[in-house]
Amino acid sequence: MQDIDVRESHKRLLIQQIYRAQSMQRIVEGQSCECPTRYPSWKAAEGVFVEHFAASDYWDIVEATSEYRRQANEIRREAMPICEAAGNW
């Protein structure tokens, strides 16, 4: 992410939303909100970006960002109580 030019910040936003959605999904699947589950390495999110979106144009990136944000917000409802119970929200 550090190598992404400022003029391409929309790509950074997509990677952040992929990371967020993956994090929420891991919490729900594992029923755990430990720091390694909630805040893992960025490699998986970066891998999804490189594999599926690296060559995408601006509007495809914006659309994908919106979709990952929606997914993360949806899963967040299930993840929040798990993290609150662990004192990690």
PDB file of N, CA and C in Angstrom:
ATOM      1  N   MET A   1       0.819  -1.198   0.000  1.00  0.00           N
ATOM      2  CA  MET A   1       0.000   0.000   0.000  1.00  0.00           C
ATOM      3  C   MET A   1       0.856   1.252   0.000  1.00  0.00           C
ATOM      4  N   GLN A   2       2.010   1.168   0.592  1.00  0.00           N
ATOM      5  CA  GLN A   2       2.866   2.345   0.679  1.00  0.00           C
ATOM      6  C   GLN A   2       3.361   2.799  -0.692  1.00  0.00           C
ATOM      7  N   ASP A   3       3.375   1.888  -1.656  1.00  0.00           N
ATOM      8  CA  ASP A   3       3.884   2.221  -2.976  1.00  0.00           C
ATOM      9  C   ASP A   3       2.826   2.806  -3.906  1.00  0.00           C
ATOM     10  N   ILE A   4       1.594   2.929  -3.424  1.00  0.00           N
ATOM     11  CA  ILE A   4       0.524   3.472  -4.251  1.00  0.00           C
ATOM     12  C   ILE A   4       0.634   4.997  -4.254  1.00  0.00           C
ATOM     13  N   ASP A   5       0.684   5.560  -5.439  1.00  0.00           N
ATOM     14  CA  ASP A   5       0.796   7.011  -5.607  1.00  0.00           C
ATOM     15  C   ASP A   5      -0.436   7.711  -5.039  1.00  0.00           C
ATOM     16  N   VAL A   6      -0.269   8.902  -4.536  1.00  0.00           N
ATOM     17  CA  VAL A   6      -1.358   9.687  -3.945  1.00  0.00           C
ATOM     18  C   VAL A   6      -2.506   9.867  -4.942  1.00  0.00           C
ATOM     19  N   ARG A   7      -2.172  10.016  -6.213  1.00  0.00           N
ATOM     20  CA  ARG A   7      -3.212  10.191  -7.236  1.00  0.00           C
ATOM     21  C   ARG A   7      -4.048   8.926  -7.445  1.00  0.00           C
ATOM     22  N   GLU A   8      -3.616   7.844  -6.859  1.00  0.00           N
ATOM     23  CA  GLU A   8      -4.356   6.594  -6.958  1.00  0.00           C
ATOM     24  C   GLU A   8      -4.860   6.152  -5.582  1.00  0.00           C
ATOM     25  N   SER A   9      -5.194   7.106  -4.753  1.00  0.00           N
ATOM     26  CA  SER A   9      -5.633   6.797  -3.391  1.00  0.00           C
ATOM     27  C   SER A   9      -6.910   5.964  -3.365  1.00  0.00           C
ATOM     28  N   HIS A  10      -7.693   5.999  -4.444  1.00  0.00           N
ATOM     29  CA  HIS A  10      -8.893   5.165  -4.512  1.00  0.00           C
ATOM     30  C   HIS A  10      -8.526   3.683  -4.397  1.00  0.00           C
ATOM     31  N   LYS A  11      -7.327   3.310  -4.838  1.00  0.00           N
ATOM     32  CA  LYS A  11      -6.877   1.922  -4.711  1.00  0.00           C
ATOM     33  C   LYS A  11      -6.587   1.592  -3.249  1.00  0.00           C
ATOM     34  N   ARG A  12      -6.011   2.550  -2.541  1.00  0.00           N
ATOM     35  CA  ARG A  12      -5.753   2.367  -1.106  1.00  0.00           C
ATOM     36  C   ARG A  12      -7.060   2.156  -0.338  1.00  0.00           C
ATOM     37  N   LEU A  13      -8.063   2.939  -0.689  1.00  0.00           N
ATOM     38  CA  LEU A  13      -9.362   2.809  -0.025  1.00  0.00           C
ATOM     39  C   LEU A  13      -9.962   1.428  -0.256  1.00  0.00           C
ATOM     40  N   LEU A  14      -9.802   0.902  -1.466  1.00  0.00           N
ATOM     41  CA  LEU A  14     -10.313  -0.443  -1.746  1.00  0.00           C
ATOM     42  C   LEU A  14      -9.589  -1.476  -0.895  1.00  0.00           C
ATOM     43  N   ILE A  15      -8.279  -1.404  -0.821  1.00  0.00           N
ATOM     44  CA  ILE A  15      -7.522  -2.365  -0.017  1.00  0.00           C
ATOM     45  C   ILE A  15      -7.950  -2.281   1.445  1.00  0.00           C
ATOM     46  N   GLN A  16      -8.189  -1.080   1.943  1.00  0.00           N
ATOM     47  CA  GLN A  16      -8.635  -0.920   3.330  1.00  0.00           C
ATOM     48  C   GLN A  16      -9.993  -1.575   3.553  1.00  0.00           C
ATOM     49  N   GLN A  17     -10.898  -1.444   2.606  1.00  0.00           N
ATOM     50  CA  GLN A  17     -12.222  -2.045   2.765  1.00  0.00           C
ATOM     51  C   GLN A  17     -12.167  -3.556   2.613  1.00  0.00           C
ATOM     52  N   ILE A  18     -11.303  -4.067   1.749  1.00  0.00           N
ATOM     53  CA  ILE A  18     -11.106  -5.518   1.652  1.00  0.00           C
ATOM     54  C   ILE A  18     -10.609  -6.034   2.996  1.00  0.00           C
ATOM     55  N   TYR A  19      -9.606  -5.361   3.565  1.00  0.00           N
ATOM     56  CA  TYR A  19      -9.034  -5.744   4.859  1.00  0.00           C
ATOM     57  C   TYR A  19     -10.110  -5.744   5.946  1.00  0.00           C
ATOM     58  N   ARG A  20     -10.902  -4.708   5.961  1.00  0.00           N
ATOM     59  CA  ARG A  20     -11.961  -4.574   6.973  1.00  0.00           C
ATOM     60  C   ARG A  20     -12.992  -5.700   6.844  1.00  0.00           C
ATOM     61  N   ALA A  21     -13.416  -5.990   5.623  1.00  0.00           N
ATOM     62  CA  ALA A  21     -14.394  -7.056   5.401  1.00  0.00           C
ATOM     63  C   ALA A  21     -13.813  -8.413   5.799  1.00  0.00           C
ATOM     64  N   GLN A  22     -12.560  -8.652   5.443  1.00  0.00           N
ATOM     65  CA  GLN A  22     -11.921  -9.913   5.813  1.00  0.00           C
ATOM     66  C   GLN A  22     -11.813 -10.041   7.329  1.00  0.00           C
ATOM     67  N   SER A  23     -11.469  -8.953   7.990  1.00  0.00           N
ATOM     68  CA  SER A  23     -11.346  -8.954   9.443  1.00  0.00           C
ATOM     69  C   SER A  23     -12.668  -9.299  10.116  1.00  0.00           C
ATOM     70  N   MET A  24     -13.733  -8.631   9.700  1.00  0.00           N
ATOM     71  CA  MET A  24     -15.053  -8.905  10.275  1.00  0.00           C
ATOM     72  C   MET A  24     -15.466 -10.358  10.026  1.00  0.00           C
ATOM     73  N   GLN A  25     -15.172 -10.860   8.844  1.00  0.00           N
ATOM     74  CA  GLN A  25     -15.523 -12.241   8.492  1.00  0.00           C
ATOM     75  C   GLN A  25     -14.761 -13.229   9.380  1.00  0.00           C
ATOM     76  N   ARG A  26     -13.467 -12.993   9.604  1.00  0.00           N
ATOM     77  CA  ARG A  26     -12.672 -13.880  10.457  1.00  0.00           C
ATOM     78  C   ARG A  26     -13.201 -13.897  11.886  1.00  0.00           C
ATOM     79  N   ILE A  27     -13.596 -12.737  12.383  1.00  0.00           N
ATOM     80  CA  ILE A  27     -14.134 -12.647  13.748  1.00  0.00           C
ATOM     81  C   ILE A  27     -15.373 -13.508  13.869  1.00  0.00           C
ATOM     82  N   VAL A  28     -16.285 -13.379  12.935  1.00  0.00           N
ATOM     83  CA  VAL A  28     -17.543 -14.131  12.985  1.00  0.00           C
ATOM     84  C   VAL A  28     -17.283 -15.621  12.801  1.00  0.00           C
ATOM     85  N   GLU A  29     -16.463 -15.979  11.830  1.00  0.00           N
ATOM     86  CA  GLU A  29     -16.184 -17.398  11.576  1.00  0.00           C
ATOM     87  C   GLU A  29     -15.494 -18.061  12.762  1.00  0.00           C
ATOM     88  N   GLY A  30     -14.535 -17.362  13.359  1.00  0.00           N
ATOM     89  CA  GLY A  30     -13.786 -17.929  14.477  1.00  0.00           C
ATOM     90  C   GLY A  30     -14.400 -17.671  15.836  1.00  0.00           C
ATOM     91  N   GLN A  31     -15.471 -16.848  15.859  1.00  0.00           N
ATOM     92  CA  GLN A  31     -16.093 -16.464  17.129  1.00  0.00           C
ATOM     93  C   GLN A  31     -15.041 -15.974  18.125  1.00  0.00           C
ATOM     94  N   SER A  32     -14.082 -15.217  17.589  1.00  0.00           N
ATOM     95  CA  SER A  32     -12.978 -14.706  18.393  1.00  0.00           C
ATOM     96  C   SER A  32     -12.612 -13.318  17.909  1.00  0.00           C
ATOM     97  N   CYS A  33     -12.260 -12.446  18.859  1.00  0.00           N
ATOM     98  CA  CYS A  33     -11.860 -11.088  18.499  1.00  0.00           C
ATOM     99  C   CYS A  33     -10.477 -10.773  19.063  1.00  0.00           C
ATOM    100  N   GLU A  34      -9.648 -11.797  19.142  1.00  0.00           N
ATOM    101  CA  GLU A  34      -8.278 -11.559  19.586  1.00  0.00           C
ATOM    102  C   GLU A  34      -7.566 -10.710  18.538  1.00  0.00           C
ATOM    103  N   CYS A  35      -6.578  -9.968  18.957  1.00  0.00           N
ATOM    104  CA  CYS A  35      -5.883  -9.045  18.049  1.00  0.00           C
ATOM    105  C   CYS A  35      -5.366  -9.712  16.771  1.00  0.00           C
ATOM    106  N   PRO A  36      -4.761 -10.921  16.834  1.00  0.00           N
ATOM    107  CA  PRO A  36      -4.300 -11.531  15.583  1.00  0.00           C
ATOM    108  C   PRO A  36      -5.451 -11.846  14.610  1.00  0.00           C
ATOM    109  N   THR A  37      -6.643 -12.059  15.132  1.00  0.00           N
ATOM    110  CA  THR A  37      -7.804 -12.323  14.285  1.00  0.00           C
ATOM    111  C   THR A  37      -8.332 -11.025  13.699  1.00  0.00           C
ATOM    112  N   ARG A  38      -8.451 -10.030  14.535  1.00  0.00           N
ATOM    113  CA  ARG A  38      -9.031  -8.763  14.088  1.00  0.00           C
ATOM    114  C   ARG A  38      -8.047  -7.911  13.287  1.00  0.00           C
ATOM    115  N   TYR A  39      -6.765  -7.979  13.635  1.00  0.00           N
ATOM    116  CA  TYR A  39      -5.760  -7.127  12.991  1.00  0.00           C
ATOM    117  C   TYR A  39      -4.585  -7.959  12.456  1.00  0.00           C
ATOM    118  N   PRO A  40      -4.836  -8.815  11.473  1.00  0.00           N
ATOM    119  CA  PRO A  40      -3.739  -9.619  10.919  1.00  0.00           C
ATOM    120  C   PRO A  40      -2.899  -8.803   9.931  1.00  0.00           C
ATOM    121  N   SER A  41      -1.985  -9.457   9.304  1.00  0.00           N
ATOM    122  CA  SER A  41      -1.178  -8.847   8.251  1.00  0.00           C
ATOM    123  C   SER A  41      -2.086  -8.377   7.112  1.00  0.00           C
ATOM    124  N   TRP A  42      -1.599  -7.413   6.367  1.00  0.00           N
ATOM    125  CA  TRP A  42      -2.350  -6.878   5.224  1.00  0.00           C
ATOM    126  C   TRP A  42      -2.191  -7.743   3.977  1.00  0.00           C
ATOM    127  N   LYS A  43      -1.368  -8.784   4.034  1.00  0.00           N
ATOM    128  CA  LYS A  43      -1.040  -9.572   2.844  1.00  0.00           C
ATOM    129  C   LYS A  43      -2.261 -10.158   2.144  1.00  0.00           C
ATOM    130  N   ALA A  44      -3.212 -10.685   2.886  1.00  0.00           N
ATOM    131  CA  ALA A  44      -4.393 -11.295   2.261  1.00  0.00           C
ATOM    132  C   ALA A  44      -5.205 -10.253   1.493  1.00  0.00           C
ATOM    133  N   ALA A  45      -5.406  -9.084   2.092  1.00  0.00           N
ATOM    134  CA  ALA A  45      -6.164  -8.024   1.416  1.00  0.00           C
ATOM    135  C   ALA A  45      -5.415  -7.525   0.183  1.00  0.00           C
ATOM    136  N   GLU A  46      -4.116  -7.360   0.311  1.00  0.00           N
ATOM    137  CA  GLU A  46      -3.321  -6.927  -0.833  1.00  0.00           C
ATOM    138  C   GLU A  46      -3.361  -7.975  -1.944  1.00  0.00           C
ATOM    139  N   GLY A  47      -3.359  -9.255  -1.563  1.00  0.00           N
ATOM    140  CA  GLY A  47      -3.437 -10.328  -2.548  1.00  0.00           C
ATOM    141  C   GLY A  47      -4.737 -10.302  -3.331  1.00  0.00           C
ATOM    142  N   VAL A  48      -5.858 -10.060  -2.634  1.00  0.00           N
ATOM    143  CA  VAL A  48      -7.157  -9.950  -3.307  1.00  0.00           C
ATOM    144  C   VAL A  48      -7.123  -8.780  -4.281  1.00  0.00           C
ATOM    145  N   PHE A  49      -6.569  -7.663  -3.843  1.00  0.00           N
ATOM    146  CA  PHE A  49      -6.492  -6.495  -4.714  1.00  0.00           C
ATOM    147  C   PHE A  49      -5.675  -6.788  -5.965  1.00  0.00           C
ATOM    148  N   VAL A  50      -4.487  -7.356  -5.782  1.00  0.00           N
ATOM    149  CA  VAL A  50      -3.602  -7.623  -6.920  1.00  0.00           C
ATOM    150  C   VAL A  50      -4.261  -8.605  -7.885  1.00  0.00           C
ATOM    151  N   GLU A  51      -4.867  -9.648  -7.337  1.00  0.00           N
ATOM    152  CA  GLU A  51      -5.468 -10.685  -8.183  1.00  0.00           C
ATOM    153  C   GLU A  51      -6.703 -10.201  -8.943  1.00  0.00           C
ATOM    154  N   HIS A  52      -7.528  -9.380  -8.296  1.00  0.00           N
ATOM    155  CA  HIS A  52      -8.822  -9.033  -8.891  1.00  0.00           C
ATOM    156  C   HIS A  52      -8.970  -7.588  -9.378  1.00  0.00           C
ATOM    157  N   PHE A  53      -8.172  -6.664  -8.844  1.00  0.00           N
ATOM    158  CA  PHE A  53      -8.442  -5.252  -9.124  1.00  0.00           C
ATOM    159  C   PHE A  53      -7.264  -4.417  -9.596  1.00  0.00           C
ATOM    160  N   ALA A  54      -6.067  -4.952  -9.602  1.00  0.00           N
ATOM    161  CA  ALA A  54      -4.883  -4.147  -9.929  1.00  0.00           C
ATOM    162  C   ALA A  54      -4.987  -3.476 -11.295  1.00  0.00           C
ATOM    163  N   ALA A  55      -5.617  -4.122 -12.243  1.00  0.00           N
ATOM    164  CA  ALA A  55      -5.723  -3.560 -13.590  1.00  0.00           C
ATOM    165  C   ALA A  55      -7.061  -2.856 -13.834  1.00  0.00           C
ATOM    166  N   SER A  56      -7.865  -2.718 -12.801  1.00  0.00           N
ATOM    167  CA  SER A  56      -9.196  -2.120 -12.953  1.00  0.00           C
ATOM    168  C   SER A  56      -9.114  -0.614 -13.118  1.00  0.00           C
ATOM    169  N   ASP A  57     -10.128  -0.063 -13.772  1.00  0.00           N
ATOM    170  CA  ASP A  57     -10.172   1.388 -13.919  1.00  0.00           C
ATOM    171  C   ASP A  57     -10.799   2.027 -12.674  1.00  0.00           C
ATOM    172  N   TYR A  58     -10.772   3.343 -12.649  1.00  0.00           N
ATOM    173  CA  TYR A  58     -11.231   4.111 -11.481  1.00  0.00           C
ATOM    174  C   TYR A  58     -12.632   3.713 -11.030  1.00  0.00           C
ATOM    175  N   TRP A  59     -13.589   3.671 -11.945  1.00  0.00           N
ATOM    176  CA  TRP A  59     -14.979   3.415 -11.555  1.00  0.00           C
ATOM    177  C   TRP A  59     -15.193   1.987 -11.078  1.00  0.00           C
ATOM    178  N   ASP A  60     -14.441   1.034 -11.618  1.00  0.00           N
ATOM    179  CA  ASP A  60     -14.528  -0.338 -11.115  1.00  0.00           C
ATOM    180  C   ASP A  60     -13.995  -0.420  -9.684  1.00  0.00           C
ATOM    181  N   ILE A  61     -12.945   0.329  -9.410  1.00  0.00           N
ATOM    182  CA  ILE A  61     -12.371   0.377  -8.057  1.00  0.00           C
ATOM    183  C   ILE A  61     -13.378   1.009  -7.092  1.00  0.00           C
ATOM    184  N   VAL A  62     -13.996   2.102  -7.503  1.00  0.00           N
ATOM    185  CA  VAL A  62     -14.987   2.782  -6.661  1.00  0.00           C
ATOM    186  C   VAL A  62     -16.159   1.840  -6.369  1.00  0.00           C
ATOM    187  N   GLU A  63     -16.623   1.136  -7.370  1.00  0.00           N
ATOM    188  CA  GLU A  63     -17.737   0.202  -7.195  1.00  0.00           C
ATOM    189  C   GLU A  63     -17.353  -0.946  -6.259  1.00  0.00           C
ATOM    190  N   ALA A  64     -16.154  -1.495  -6.438  1.00  0.00           N
ATOM    191  CA  ALA A  64     -15.694  -2.586  -5.573  1.00  0.00           C
ATOM    192  C   ALA A  64     -15.528  -2.101  -4.134  1.00  0.00           C
ATOM    193  N   THR A  65     -15.025  -0.885  -3.961  1.00  0.00           N
ATOM    194  CA  THR A  65     -14.862  -0.316  -2.622  1.00  0.00           C
ATOM    195  C   THR A  65     -16.211  -0.226  -1.921  1.00  0.00           C
ATOM    196  N   SER A  66     -17.204   0.235  -2.637  1.00  0.00           N
ATOM    197  CA  SER A  66     -18.551   0.338  -2.083  1.00  0.00           C
ATOM    198  C   SER A  66     -19.094  -1.034  -1.681  1.00  0.00           C
ATOM    199  N   GLU A  67     -18.860  -2.035  -2.520  1.00  0.00           N
ATOM    200  CA  GLU A  67     -19.337  -3.386  -2.234  1.00  0.00           C
ATOM    201  C   GLU A  67     -18.633  -3.976  -1.007  1.00  0.00           C
ATOM    202  N   TYR A  68     -17.326  -3.819  -0.896  1.00  0.00           N
ATOM    203  CA  TYR A  68     -16.607  -4.328   0.285  1.00  0.00           C
ATOM    204  C   TYR A  68     -17.018  -3.573   1.542  1.00  0.00           C
ATOM    205  N   ARG A  69     -17.272  -2.276   1.431  1.00  0.00           N
ATOM    206  CA  ARG A  69     -17.747  -1.494   2.582  1.00  0.00           C
ATOM    207  C   ARG A  69     -19.102  -2.016   3.044  1.00  0.00           C
ATOM    208  N   ARG A  70     -19.985  -2.292   2.085  1.00  0.00           N
ATOM    209  CA  ARG A  70     -21.305  -2.832   2.411  1.00  0.00           C
ATOM    210  C   ARG A  70     -21.176  -4.184   3.113  1.00  0.00           C
ATOM    211  N   GLN A  71     -20.324  -5.046   2.583  1.00  0.00           N
ATOM    212  CA  GLN A  71     -20.113  -6.363   3.191  1.00  0.00           C
ATOM    213  C   GLN A  71     -19.593  -6.234   4.619  1.00  0.00           C
ATOM    214  N   ALA A  72     -18.595  -5.384   4.799  1.00  0.00           N
ATOM    215  CA  ALA A  72     -18.006  -5.200   6.130  1.00  0.00           C
ATOM    216  C   ALA A  72     -19.041  -4.662   7.111  1.00  0.00           C
ATOM    217  N   ASN A  73     -19.854  -3.712   6.688  1.00  0.00           N
ATOM    218  CA  ASN A  73     -20.871  -3.141   7.568  1.00  0.00           C
ATOM    219  C   ASN A  73     -21.933  -4.173   7.932  1.00  0.00           C
ATOM    220  N   GLU A  74     -22.255  -5.045   6.987  1.00  0.00           N
ATOM    221  CA  GLU A  74     -23.236  -6.090   7.247  1.00  0.00           C
ATOM    222  C   GLU A  74     -22.708  -7.094   8.280  1.00  0.00           C
ATOM    223  N   ILE A  75     -21.479  -7.550   8.087  1.00  0.00           N
ATOM    224  CA  ILE A  75     -20.872  -8.541   8.977  1.00  0.00           C
ATOM    225  C   ILE A  75     -20.556  -7.914  10.333  1.00  0.00           C
ATOM    226  N   ARG A  76     -20.306  -6.618  10.340  1.00  0.00           N
ATOM    227  CA  ARG A  76     -19.968  -5.891  11.573  1.00  0.00           C
ATOM    228  C   ARG A  76     -21.023  -6.098  12.655  1.00  0.00           C
ATOM    229  N   ARG A  77     -22.279  -6.190  12.243  1.00  0.00           N
ATOM    230  CA  ARG A  77     -23.365  -6.390  13.219  1.00  0.00           C
ATOM    231  C   ARG A  77     -23.184  -7.671  14.016  1.00  0.00           C
ATOM    232  N   GLU A  78     -22.634  -8.704  13.380  1.00  0.00           N
ATOM    233  CA  GLU A  78     -22.382  -9.963  14.062  1.00  0.00           C
ATOM    234  C   GLU A  78     -21.056  -9.931  14.817  1.00  0.00           C
ATOM    235  N   ALA A  79     -20.078  -9.211  14.284  1.00  0.00           N
ATOM    236  CA  ALA A  79     -18.745  -9.181  14.884  1.00  0.00           C
ATOM    237  C   ALA A  79     -18.694  -8.314  16.143  1.00  0.00           C
ATOM    238  N   MET A  80     -19.459  -7.232  16.163  1.00  0.00           N
ATOM    239  CA  MET A  80     -19.383  -6.289  17.277  1.00  0.00           C
ATOM    240  C   MET A  80     -19.650  -6.944  18.637  1.00  0.00           C
ATOM    241  N   PRO A  81     -20.717  -7.740  18.801  1.00  0.00           N
ATOM    242  CA  PRO A  81     -20.939  -8.344  20.116  1.00  0.00           C
ATOM    243  C   PRO A  81     -19.814  -9.291  20.539  1.00  0.00           C
ATOM    244  N   ILE A  82     -19.214  -9.966  19.583  1.00  0.00           N
ATOM    245  CA  ILE A  82     -18.097 -10.869  19.878  1.00  0.00           C
ATOM    246  C   ILE A  82     -16.920 -10.061  20.410  1.00  0.00           C
ATOM    247  N   CYS A  83     -16.640  -8.948  19.758  1.00  0.00           N
ATOM    248  CA  CYS A  83     -15.522  -8.099  20.169  1.00  0.00           C
ATOM    249  C   CYS A  83     -15.825  -7.354  21.473  1.00  0.00           C
ATOM    250  N   GLU A  84     -17.066  -6.941  21.648  1.00  0.00           N
ATOM    251  CA  GLU A  84     -17.419  -6.271  22.903  1.00  0.00           C
ATOM    252  C   GLU A  84     -17.255  -7.215  24.075  1.00  0.00           C
ATOM    253  N   ALA A  85     -17.647  -8.483  23.910  1.00  0.00           N
ATOM    254  CA  ALA A  85     -17.513  -9.471  24.976  1.00  0.00           C
ATOM    255  C   ALA A  85     -16.041  -9.708  25.313  1.00  0.00           C
ATOM    256  N   ALA A  86     -15.172  -9.571  24.321  1.00  0.00           N
ATOM    257  CA  ALA A  86     -13.731  -9.767  24.533  1.00  0.00           C
ATOM    258  C   ALA A  86     -13.056  -8.475  25.005  1.00  0.00           C
ATOM    259  N   GLY A  87     -13.816  -7.376  25.091  1.00  0.00           N
ATOM    260  CA  GLY A  87     -13.232  -6.086  25.474  1.00  0.00           C
ATOM    261  C   GLY A  87     -12.332  -5.510  24.398  1.00  0.00           C
ATOM    262  N   ASN A  88     -12.634  -5.838  23.143  1.00  0.00           N
ATOM    263  CA  ASN A  88     -11.774  -5.412  22.040  1.00  0.00           C
ATOM    264  C   ASN A  88     -12.568  -4.671  20.971  1.00  0.00           C
ATOM    265  N   TRP A  89     -13.474  -3.794  21.395  1.00  0.00           N
ATOM    266  CA  TRP A  89     -14.225  -2.995  20.402  1.00  0.00           C
ATOM    267  C   TRP A  89     -14.000  -1.536  20.629  1.00  0.00           C
TER     268      TRP A  89
END
